[in-house]
Amino acid sequence: MTNYAILAQTLQDALHLSQPPIAVCMTDHAPATVPLPATQVPAGCAFWGQAAHGPLATSAKDHELCSVGIYTHNMADAPPLYASELGDVLKVMASLEYVREEDIALIPVLNHTTQQVVYAPLAATPLPPDVVLLFAQASQGLIIAEAIQQVEMGIPPALGRPACAVVPQVANTGRAALSLGCCGARAYVDGFTDDIALWALPGAQIEQYVEKIAKLSKANDILTTFHTLRRQDVAAGQMPTYGESMARLSS
């Protein structure tokens, strides 16, 4: 049985994340013990921030102020105004040339309907996650990208607006992805600041990604020291070979 608490702690230790990893679970029946949201939110991505403090079970009515999120997550039982709201927001975005009609088909949408979406800290997830979200700075993203390449033998795609589309992208493909976020998510999610990007990992293989992240974190720490010492030596007028720099690292 997967120990998500240990995996979450390993990610925290390896990456020094400022926010805990977040589990996203699509389900038709959330456990009765998982609380419902206490307040309405302006967009579904806001639940990412709330989930850092504990699990939440949401349905379409909890996302009703975010027609884009209901669309990307293919949520069942959408509220009556959903279609008109989605049309209105797309018209506004089209008028700004932010999302053109031809762009809509390129936005990932979950390939099956879901009744509920459970958000939780990975350490306390009540269900096996479909997707695990990591909020990471560039130096942390370097390690995540290297780990993804080793697990998948490929380079993850980088997505733009809307940020929530990274969830169906990963859930549908079973492969990791990077989201550069959108202005909405950065306005609604505390901690999603300009220096942070969002990484999404497939929950079914999360153990493999965590193992690689832990190993590559240690390797990056060693190599950072190596390059720092090598820079100092060259600045001092020396001409060290790589072998000599490695020997200095070991001394």
Protein backbone atom coordinates (compact mmCIF):
# COMPACT_ATOMS: atom_id res chain seq x y z
CA MET A 1 0.00 0.00 0.00
CA THR A 2 1.34 3.39 -0.99
CA ASN A 3 2.41 5.59 1.92
CA TYR A 4 1.56 9.05 0.65
CA ALA A 5 2.76 10.73 3.84
CA ILE A 6 6.28 9.43 3.29
CA LEU A 7 6.19 10.41 -0.38
CA ALA A 8 5.04 13.92 0.51
CA GLN A 9 7.79 14.29 3.12
CA THR A 10 10.40 13.07 0.64
CA LEU A 11 9.25 15.69 -1.86
CA GLN A 12 9.38 18.40 0.80
CA ASP A 13 12.86 17.38 1.90
CA ALA A 14 14.27 16.99 -1.61
CA LEU A 15 12.78 20.13 -3.14
CA HIS A 16 12.35 22.42 -0.10
CA LEU A 17 8.87 23.32 -1.30
CA SER A 18 7.16 26.34 0.25
CA GLN A 19 3.77 24.64 -0.20
CA PRO A 20 2.91 20.97 0.32
CA PRO A 21 2.28 18.72 -2.67
CA ILE A 22 -1.44 18.66 -3.50
CA ALA A 23 -3.37 15.53 -4.48
CA VAL A 24 -6.20 15.90 -7.01
CA CYS A 25 -8.62 12.96 -7.06
CA MET A 26 -11.49 12.57 -9.52
CA THR A 27 -14.26 10.39 -8.10
CA ASP A 28 -17.97 9.66 -8.26
CA HIS A 29 -18.22 9.18 -4.49
CA ALA A 30 -15.94 11.05 -2.11
CA PRO A 31 -15.52 9.52 1.35
CA ALA A 32 -18.16 10.81 3.77
CA THR A 33 -15.40 11.89 6.15
CA VAL A 34 -14.04 14.47 3.70
CA PRO A 35 -15.54 17.90 4.44
CA LEU A 36 -17.22 20.10 1.86
CA PRO A 37 -15.94 23.64 1.20
CA ALA A 38 -17.00 26.12 3.86
CA THR A 39 -17.23 29.08 1.48
CA GLN A 40 -17.76 29.84 -2.20
CA VAL A 41 -14.63 30.47 -4.26
CA PRO A 42 -14.23 32.57 -7.43
CA ALA A 43 -12.47 29.76 -9.30
CA GLY A 44 -11.80 26.06 -8.85
CA CYS A 45 -8.05 26.60 -8.74
CA ALA A 46 -8.56 28.37 -5.39
CA PHE A 47 -9.13 24.91 -3.91
CA TRP A 48 -5.46 24.13 -4.58
CA GLY A 49 -4.51 26.68 -1.96
CA GLN A 50 -7.23 25.64 0.48
CA ALA A 51 -6.22 21.98 0.15
CA ALA A 52 -2.84 22.74 1.67
CA HIS A 53 -4.68 22.92 5.00
CA GLY A 54 -6.75 19.75 4.63
CA PRO A 55 -8.89 17.64 2.28
CA LEU A 56 -11.96 19.04 0.52
CA ALA A 57 -14.63 17.27 -1.55
CA THR A 58 -16.04 19.49 -4.29
CA SER A 59 -18.77 19.13 -6.89
CA ALA A 60 -19.88 21.30 -9.79
CA LYS A 61 -21.88 23.61 -7.53
CA ASP A 62 -18.67 24.47 -5.66
CA HIS A 63 -17.10 25.43 -9.00
CA GLU A 64 -20.13 27.29 -10.34
CA LEU A 65 -18.38 30.66 -10.45
CA CYS A 66 -15.70 29.12 -12.71
CA SER A 67 -17.24 27.84 -15.93
CA VAL A 68 -13.77 27.29 -17.38
CA GLY A 69 -12.86 24.92 -14.53
CA ILE A 70 -16.13 22.99 -14.91
CA TYR A 71 -15.33 22.69 -18.62
CA THR A 72 -11.72 21.48 -18.27
CA HIS A 73 -12.66 19.00 -15.51
CA ASN A 74 -15.74 17.78 -17.41
CA MET A 75 -17.80 17.96 -14.22
CA ALA A 76 -21.21 16.32 -14.07
CA ASP A 77 -24.35 18.17 -12.93
CA ALA A 78 -23.15 21.57 -14.10
CA PRO A 79 -25.33 24.45 -12.83
CA PRO A 80 -28.08 25.80 -15.14
CA LEU A 81 -26.15 28.94 -16.10
CA TYR A 82 -22.97 27.03 -16.94
CA ALA A 83 -23.33 27.07 -20.73
CA SER A 84 -24.21 30.76 -20.95
CA GLU A 85 -21.48 31.68 -18.45
CA LEU A 86 -18.88 29.74 -20.44
CA GLY A 87 -20.04 31.42 -23.63
CA ASP A 88 -19.82 34.85 -22.04
CA VAL A 89 -16.32 34.37 -20.64
CA LEU A 90 -15.08 33.00 -23.97
CA LYS A 91 -16.54 36.02 -25.77
CA VAL A 92 -14.67 38.36 -23.43
CA MET A 93 -11.44 36.43 -23.90
CA ALA A 94 -11.93 36.36 -27.67
CA SER A 95 -12.47 40.14 -27.72
CA LEU A 96 -9.07 40.50 -26.05
CA GLU A 97 -7.55 37.94 -28.45
CA TYR A 98 -6.59 36.02 -25.32
CA VAL A 99 -8.42 32.83 -26.31
CA ARG A 100 -9.44 32.67 -29.96
CA GLU A 101 -12.02 30.23 -31.28
CA GLU A 102 -9.30 28.07 -32.81
CA ASP A 103 -7.51 27.93 -29.43
CA ILE A 104 -10.41 26.32 -27.61
CA ALA A 105 -9.90 22.90 -29.22
CA LEU A 106 -6.31 22.89 -27.95
CA ILE A 107 -7.30 23.23 -24.28
CA PRO A 108 -7.17 19.84 -22.51
CA VAL A 109 -10.49 18.56 -21.16
CA LEU A 110 -10.87 15.52 -18.91
CA ASN A 111 -11.83 12.57 -21.11
CA HIS A 112 -14.56 11.35 -18.75
CA THR A 113 -17.15 13.06 -16.59
CA THR A 114 -16.56 13.27 -12.86
CA GLN A 115 -19.04 13.88 -10.08
CA GLN A 116 -16.56 15.19 -7.53
CA VAL A 117 -13.01 16.42 -7.28
CA VAL A 118 -11.24 15.86 -3.98
CA TYR A 119 -8.31 18.15 -3.19
CA ALA A 120 -5.97 17.32 -0.32
CA PRO A 121 -2.39 17.55 0.92
CA LEU A 122 -0.66 14.54 -0.61
CA ALA A 123 0.32 13.46 2.89
CA ALA A 124 -3.35 13.21 3.91
CA THR A 125 -5.06 12.25 0.68
CA PRO A 126 -8.15 10.11 1.34
CA LEU A 127 -7.98 8.58 -2.15
CA PRO A 128 -5.23 7.56 -4.57
CA PRO A 129 -4.53 10.77 -6.49
CA ASP A 130 -5.06 11.08 -10.22
CA VAL A 131 -2.69 14.03 -10.31
CA VAL A 132 -0.16 15.47 -7.86
CA LEU A 133 0.57 19.20 -8.03
CA LEU A 134 3.89 20.77 -7.10
CA PHE A 135 4.38 24.54 -6.81
CA ALA A 136 8.05 25.06 -7.55
CA GLN A 137 10.65 27.71 -8.24
CA ALA A 138 12.97 27.42 -11.23
CA SER A 139 15.77 25.68 -9.32
CA GLN A 140 13.26 23.16 -7.93
CA GLY A 141 11.71 22.79 -11.38
CA LEU A 142 15.12 21.86 -12.75
CA ILE A 143 15.18 18.76 -10.54
CA ILE A 144 11.54 17.91 -11.32
CA ALA A 145 12.18 18.19 -15.07
CA GLU A 146 15.26 15.96 -14.83
CA ALA A 147 13.26 13.37 -12.88
CA ILE A 148 10.41 13.41 -15.40
CA GLN A 149 12.86 12.87 -18.23
CA GLN A 150 14.34 9.83 -16.49
CA VAL A 151 10.94 8.31 -15.69
CA GLU A 152 9.28 9.02 -19.03
CA MET A 153 12.28 9.21 -21.38
CA GLY A 154 10.82 12.40 -22.77
CA ILE A 155 10.44 16.14 -22.22
CA PRO A 156 7.25 17.35 -20.48
CA PRO A 157 5.04 19.85 -22.31
CA ALA A 158 4.66 23.40 -21.00
CA LEU A 159 1.08 24.71 -20.89
CA GLY A 160 -0.26 28.22 -20.54
CA ARG A 161 -3.84 29.36 -19.86
CA PRO A 162 -5.92 28.11 -18.24
CA ALA A 163 -3.78 26.73 -15.41
CA CYS A 164 -6.46 24.17 -14.48
CA ALA A 165 -6.02 22.50 -17.88
CA VAL A 166 -2.81 20.87 -16.64
CA VAL A 167 -4.94 18.51 -14.52
CA PRO A 168 -6.82 16.90 -17.46
CA GLN A 169 -3.65 17.02 -19.54
CA VAL A 170 -1.89 14.73 -17.07
CA ALA A 171 -4.94 12.64 -16.16
CA ASN A 172 -5.65 11.92 -19.84
CA THR A 173 -2.11 11.13 -20.95
CA GLY A 174 -0.57 9.57 -17.85
CA ARG A 175 2.46 11.81 -18.39
CA ALA A 176 3.73 14.80 -16.45
CA ALA A 177 3.34 18.40 -17.55
CA LEU A 178 4.38 21.91 -16.59
CA SER A 179 1.89 24.77 -16.31
CA LEU A 180 3.16 28.32 -16.49
CA GLY A 181 -0.11 29.29 -14.88
CA CYS A 182 -2.56 31.97 -15.93
CA CYS A 183 -3.37 35.39 -14.55
CA GLY A 184 -6.54 34.02 -12.97
CA ALA A 185 -4.83 31.25 -11.01
CA ARG A 186 -2.12 33.66 -9.87
CA ALA A 187 -4.84 36.00 -8.58
CA TYR A 188 -6.86 33.28 -6.83
CA VAL A 189 -4.21 30.93 -5.40
CA ASP A 190 -2.19 32.20 -2.46
CA GLY A 191 1.47 31.41 -2.97
CA PHE A 192 1.22 31.10 -6.75
CA THR A 193 3.54 34.06 -7.15
CA ASP A 194 5.46 35.25 -10.20
CA ASP A 195 8.49 33.12 -9.33
CA ILE A 196 6.46 29.89 -9.09
CA ALA A 197 5.44 27.42 -11.80
CA LEU A 198 3.06 24.50 -11.43
CA TRP A 199 4.15 20.93 -12.11
CA ALA A 200 1.63 18.11 -12.40
CA LEU A 201 2.62 14.46 -12.02
CA PRO A 202 0.51 11.34 -12.71
CA GLY A 203 -0.64 9.94 -9.39
CA ALA A 204 -0.44 6.32 -10.50
CA GLN A 205 3.36 6.59 -10.93
CA ILE A 206 4.06 9.05 -8.15
CA GLU A 207 6.46 6.69 -6.37
CA GLN A 208 8.71 6.54 -9.44
CA TYR A 209 8.85 10.33 -9.75
CA VAL A 210 9.57 10.79 -6.05
CA GLU A 211 12.40 8.25 -6.14
CA LYS A 212 14.06 10.05 -9.06
CA ILE A 213 13.49 13.50 -7.51
CA ALA A 214 15.18 12.43 -4.26
CA LYS A 215 18.23 11.02 -6.08
CA LEU A 216 18.56 13.97 -8.45
CA SER A 217 18.23 16.45 -5.60
CA LYS A 218 21.28 14.93 -3.93
CA ALA A 219 23.17 14.90 -7.23
CA ASN A 220 22.35 18.55 -7.87
CA ASP A 221 23.56 19.51 -4.39
CA ILE A 222 26.90 17.78 -5.00
CA LEU A 223 27.30 19.26 -8.48
CA THR A 224 26.42 22.75 -7.25
CA THR A 225 29.30 22.52 -4.78
CA PHE A 226 31.53 21.16 -7.56
CA HIS A 227 30.79 24.08 -9.88
CA THR A 228 31.08 26.64 -7.08
CA LEU A 229 34.56 25.41 -6.11
CA ARG A 230 35.60 25.20 -9.76
CA ARG A 231 34.53 28.79 -10.36
CA GLN A 232 36.53 29.92 -7.34
CA ASP A 233 39.64 28.09 -8.54
CA VAL A 234 39.45 29.53 -12.06
CA ALA A 235 38.84 33.01 -10.68
CA ALA A 236 42.02 32.56 -8.60
CA GLY A 237 44.02 31.93 -11.79
CA GLN A 238 44.10 28.14 -11.68
CA MET A 239 43.39 25.85 -14.65
CA PRO A 240 41.92 22.74 -13.00
CA THR A 241 40.91 19.69 -14.98
CA TYR A 242 37.55 18.14 -14.20
CA GLY A 243 39.40 15.37 -12.41
CA GLU A 244 41.24 17.86 -10.22
CA SER A 245 37.97 19.66 -9.43
CA MET A 246 36.37 16.36 -8.46
CA ALA A 247 39.32 15.59 -6.23
CA ARG A 248 38.95 18.97 -4.55
CA LEU A 249 35.27 18.21 -4.02
CA SER A 250 36.19 14.98 -2.26
CA SER A 251 38.90 16.51 -0.07
